[in-house]
Amino acid sequence: MQELIQTQKIIDEERKQVVLEILADKYCKQILQNTLEKPKSAMEISSEKKIPISTVYRRLQTLYDAKLLSISGSISQDGKKYFLYKSKVKSITITCDLEETSVEFVPNARASPSQ
């Protein structure tokens, strides 16, 4: 069975620039890759990718603001908030010529529908 891959093109120039900056950041790329298959907590991301926790939290906020990451959460038995983060993109394609930069992404079908 074939799967139809839907790509979404980013038209807004400011958003394109944000995505390009995110892709230039090694920590952002590692976080997106690490949360592609299943939602993970900031602590899981930090320990699995060996990224300082403060850096993980800053990059999670950057990715969420750029609408490339979804957040879900719950409250544990002892009343603490517990957040999980998941990549909303499966891949990003950039095409650049002298006149225009085109940015398209394939949504992560496994990403949760909530933002």
Protein backbone atom coordinates (compact mmCIF):
# COMPACT_ATOMS: atom_id res chain seq x y z
CA MET A 1 0.00 0.00 0.00
CA GLN A 2 1.35 3.41 -0.95
CA GLU A 3 1.28 6.30 1.43
CA LEU A 4 0.56 9.78 0.11
CA ILE A 5 3.06 12.21 1.58
CA GLN A 6 1.60 15.66 2.14
CA THR A 7 4.12 18.46 2.27
CA GLN A 8 3.37 21.89 3.63
CA LYS A 9 5.12 24.92 2.21
CA ILE A 10 6.12 27.81 4.46
CA ILE A 11 5.26 31.06 2.72
CA ASP A 12 5.89 33.63 5.44
CA GLU A 13 9.46 34.96 5.07
CA GLU A 14 9.89 35.53 8.80
CA ARG A 15 8.87 31.95 9.61
CA LYS A 16 11.24 30.65 6.91
CA GLN A 17 14.08 32.50 8.60
CA VAL A 18 13.17 31.02 11.99
CA VAL A 19 13.14 27.49 10.54
CA LEU A 20 16.51 28.04 8.87
CA GLU A 21 17.99 29.25 12.17
CA ILE A 22 16.56 26.22 13.98
CA LEU A 23 18.08 23.85 11.43
CA ALA A 24 21.46 25.53 11.92
CA ASP A 25 21.28 24.74 15.66
CA LYS A 26 22.62 21.26 16.47
CA TYR A 27 20.62 20.97 19.70
CA CYS A 28 17.31 21.80 18.00
CA LYS A 29 17.95 19.18 15.34
CA GLN A 30 18.87 16.59 17.97
CA ILE A 31 15.68 17.32 19.93
CA LEU A 32 13.49 17.04 16.81
CA GLN A 33 15.15 13.75 15.87
CA ASN A 34 14.91 12.39 19.42
CA THR A 35 11.17 13.14 19.69
CA LEU A 36 10.19 11.90 16.24
CA GLU A 37 8.89 8.47 17.25
CA LYS A 38 7.41 9.06 20.69
CA PRO A 39 6.86 11.92 23.15
CA LYS A 40 9.65 12.42 25.67
CA SER A 41 10.23 14.51 28.75
CA ALA A 42 12.93 17.18 28.93
CA MET A 43 14.90 14.96 31.31
CA GLU A 44 14.77 12.01 28.88
CA ILE A 45 15.96 14.22 26.03
CA SER A 46 18.76 15.65 28.18
CA SER A 47 20.06 12.27 29.31
CA GLU A 48 19.69 10.51 25.93
CA LYS A 49 21.34 13.27 23.90
CA LYS A 50 23.76 14.50 26.58
CA ILE A 51 22.46 18.07 26.33
CA PRO A 52 22.45 20.25 29.48
CA ILE A 53 18.90 20.48 30.86
CA SER A 54 18.83 24.29 30.74
CA THR A 55 19.74 24.14 27.03
CA VAL A 56 17.03 21.54 26.43
CA TYR A 57 14.36 23.78 27.99
CA ARG A 58 15.47 26.82 25.96
CA ARG A 59 15.47 24.85 22.70
CA LEU A 60 12.09 23.24 23.51
CA GLN A 61 10.59 26.71 23.86
CA THR A 62 12.18 27.82 20.58
CA LEU A 63 10.83 24.75 18.76
CA TYR A 64 7.37 25.16 20.28
CA ASP A 65 7.24 28.86 19.34
CA ALA A 66 8.16 27.89 15.74
CA LYS A 67 5.29 25.34 15.74
CA LEU A 68 7.67 22.44 15.15
CA LEU A 69 7.00 20.74 18.49
CA SER A 70 3.85 19.68 20.31
CA ILE A 71 3.48 19.55 24.07
CA SER A 72 1.25 17.21 26.05
CA GLY A 73 1.19 16.78 29.76
CA SER A 74 -0.42 15.53 32.89
CA ILE A 75 -0.16 15.83 36.63
CA SER A 76 1.56 13.01 38.51
CA GLN A 77 0.24 11.33 41.67
CA ASP A 78 2.27 13.69 43.86
CA GLY A 79 0.82 16.77 42.11
CA LYS A 80 3.78 17.62 39.88
CA LYS A 81 3.26 18.70 36.28
CA TYR A 82 4.76 16.33 33.74
CA PHE A 83 5.23 17.51 30.14
CA LEU A 84 6.06 15.44 27.08
CA TYR A 85 7.41 16.88 23.84
CA LYS A 86 6.98 15.49 20.32
CA SER A 87 8.25 16.59 16.91
CA LYS A 88 5.51 17.83 14.59
CA VAL A 89 7.73 17.44 11.52
CA LYS A 90 9.11 14.31 9.92
CA SER A 91 11.41 16.10 7.48
CA ILE A 92 12.20 19.59 6.19
CA THR A 93 13.29 20.35 2.63
CA ILE A 94 15.01 23.56 1.66
CA THR A 95 15.47 24.68 -1.93
CA CYS A 96 17.49 27.78 -2.53
CA ASP A 97 18.30 29.71 -5.67
CA LEU A 98 19.43 33.30 -6.18
CA GLU A 99 15.87 34.62 -6.18
CA GLU A 100 13.98 32.60 -3.60
CA THR A 101 14.38 30.19 -0.72
CA SER A 102 11.67 27.57 -0.47
CA VAL A 103 11.03 25.68 2.78
CA GLU A 104 8.67 22.69 2.90
CA PHE A 105 8.07 20.13 5.60
CA VAL A 106 6.42 16.75 5.93
CA PRO A 107 4.24 16.60 9.05
CA ASN A 108 4.94 13.83 11.52
CA ALA A 109 1.87 11.61 11.23
CA ARG A 110 2.59 10.31 14.70
CA ALA A 111 2.53 13.79 16.25
CA SER A 112 -0.33 14.47 18.59
CA PRO A 113 -3.05 16.75 17.16
CA SER A 114 -2.82 19.24 20.03
CA GLN A 115 -0.38 22.11 19.85
